[in-house]
C-alpha atoms as a PDB file:
ATOM      1  CA  TYR A   1     -44.417  41.133 -83.505  1.00  0.00           C
ATOM      2  CA  ARG A   2     -42.567  43.235 -80.971  1.00  0.00           C
ATOM      3  CA  ILE A   3     -40.981  41.302 -78.130  1.00  0.00           C
ATOM      4  CA  ASP A   4     -40.495  44.496 -76.110  1.00  0.00           C
ATOM      5  CA  ASP A   5     -44.191  45.406 -75.976  1.00  0.00           C
ATOM      6  CA  PHE A   6     -47.183  44.114 -74.037  1.00  0.00           C
ATOM      7  CA  GLN A   7     -48.967  41.349 -75.952  1.00  0.00           C
ATOM      8  CA  GLU A   8     -52.639  42.234 -76.180  1.00  0.00           C
ATOM      9  CA  SER A   9     -53.677  39.948 -79.051  1.00  0.00           C
ATOM     10  CA  TYR A  10     -53.952  36.201 -78.860  1.00  0.00           C
ATOM     11  CA  PHE A  11     -55.163  33.442 -81.163  1.00  0.00           C
ATOM     12  CA  VAL A  12     -57.725  31.044 -79.733  1.00  0.00           C
ATOM     13  CA  ILE A  13     -57.652  27.368 -80.708  1.00  0.00           C
ATOM     14  CA  SER A  14     -60.388  24.790 -80.206  1.00  0.00           C
ATOM     15  CA  SER A  15     -57.978  22.011 -79.301  1.00  0.00           C
ATOM     16  CA  PHE A  16     -54.353  20.969 -79.507  1.00  0.00           C
ATOM     17  CA  GLU A  17     -55.377  18.461 -82.180  1.00  0.00           C
ATOM     18  CA  ASP A  18     -56.589  21.369 -84.355  1.00  0.00           C
ATOM     19  CA  LEU A  19     -53.341  23.232 -83.705  1.00  0.00           C
ATOM     20  CA  PHE A  20     -51.225  20.221 -84.672  1.00  0.00           C
ATOM     21  CA  ALA A  21     -53.320  19.565 -87.802  1.00  0.00           C
ATOM     22  CA  GLU A  22     -52.822  23.161 -88.966  1.00  0.00           C
ATOM     23  CA  THR A  23     -49.093  23.263 -88.244  1.00  0.00           C
ATOM     24  CA  TYR A  24     -48.154  19.924 -89.818  1.00  0.00           C
ATOM     25  CA  LYS A  25     -49.003  21.260 -93.289  1.00  0.00           C
ATOM     26  CA  ASP A  26     -46.475  22.072 -95.992  1.00  0.00           C
ATOM     27  CA  PHE A  27     -46.270  25.873 -95.836  1.00  0.00           C
ATOM     28  CA  ALA A  28     -44.343  26.406 -99.121  1.00  0.00           C
ATOM     29  CA  ALA A  29     -47.462  27.336-101.134  1.00  0.00           C
ATOM     30  CA  LEU A  30     -48.635  29.673 -98.382  1.00  0.00           C
ATOM     31  CA  TYR A  31     -45.266  31.454 -98.272  1.00  0.00           C
ATOM     32  CA  THR A  32     -45.410  31.996-102.050  1.00  0.00           C
ATOM     33  CA  LYS A  33     -48.932  33.419-101.797  1.00  0.00           C
ATOM     34  CA  LEU A  34     -47.993  35.687 -98.897  1.00  0.00           C
ATOM     35  CA  ALA A  35     -44.879  37.019-100.644  1.00  0.00           C
ATOM     36  CA  ALA A  36     -47.064  38.535-103.374  1.00  0.00           C
ATOM     37  CA  GLY A  37     -49.760  39.865-101.043  1.00  0.00           C
ATOM     38  CA  ASN A  38     -50.364  42.674 -98.614  1.00  0.00           C
ATOM     39  CA  THR A  39     -48.069  43.507 -95.734  1.00  0.00           C
ATOM     40  CA  TYR A  40     -49.607  44.361 -92.381  1.00  0.00           C
ATOM     41  CA  LYS A  41     -48.239  46.239 -89.403  1.00  0.00           C
ATOM     42  CA  PRO A  42     -48.434  44.918 -85.835  1.00  0.00           C
ATOM     43  CA  GLY A  43     -51.869  45.756 -84.473  1.00  0.00           C
ATOM     44  CA  ASP A  44     -53.650  45.829 -87.852  1.00  0.00           C
ATOM     45  CA  VAL A  45     -57.167  44.398 -87.690  1.00  0.00           C
ATOM     46  CA  LEU A  46     -58.709  43.010 -90.875  1.00  0.00           C
ATOM     47  CA  ARG A  47     -62.430  43.174 -91.662  1.00  0.00           C
ATOM     48  CA  GLU A  48     -62.672  39.374 -91.560  1.00  0.00           C
ATOM     49  CA  ASP A  49     -61.037  39.151 -88.108  1.00  0.00           C
ATOM     50  CA  ARG A  50     -63.317  38.211 -85.240  1.00  0.00           C
ATOM     51  CA  VAL A  51     -62.227  40.356 -82.320  1.00  0.00           C
ATOM     52  CA  LEU A  52     -63.062  39.155 -78.825  1.00  0.00           C
ATOM     53  CA  THR A  53     -62.350  41.723 -76.141  1.00  0.00           C
ATOM     54  CA  ARG A  54     -62.172  41.899 -72.391  1.00  0.00           C
ATOM     55  CA  GLY A  55     -61.040  44.745 -70.158  1.00  0.00           C
ATOM     56  CA  THR A  56     -60.802  48.495 -70.637  1.00  0.00           C
ATOM     57  CA  HIS A  57     -58.112  48.553 -73.363  1.00  0.00           C
ATOM     58  CA  SER A  58     -56.682  51.672 -71.721  1.00  0.00           C
ATOM     59  CA  TYR A  59     -53.128  50.537 -72.533  1.00  0.00           C
ATOM     60  CA  ARG A  60     -53.483  51.238 -76.274  1.00  0.00           C
ATOM     61  CA  ALA A  61     -56.890  52.907 -76.568  1.00  0.00           C
ATOM     62  CA  GLY A  62     -57.556  54.081 -80.121  1.00  0.00           C
ATOM     63  CA  SER A  63     -54.344  52.673 -81.591  1.00  0.00           C
ATOM     64  CA  HIS A  64     -55.985  49.913 -83.667  1.00  0.00           C
ATOM     65  CA  ALA A  65     -57.861  50.832 -86.823  1.00  0.00           C
ATOM     66  CA  VAL A  66     -59.710  48.438 -89.117  1.00  0.00           C
ATOM     67  CA  ILE A  67     -58.161  48.340 -92.610  1.00  0.00           C
END
């Protein structure tokens, strides 16, 4: 995440209840799993990501490649 750049990606939640349910979990096991996994750069799009778009994307056209 780069605080000095325009944010063009957002996560969509169904409800605040869903958000709270997901964030009240114990993340220790997830951190262990992530430490041994892949590292991604800002803007990386994974094959399993569902990308919803709106607008012309002229700000960063062509800068996002599926990995």
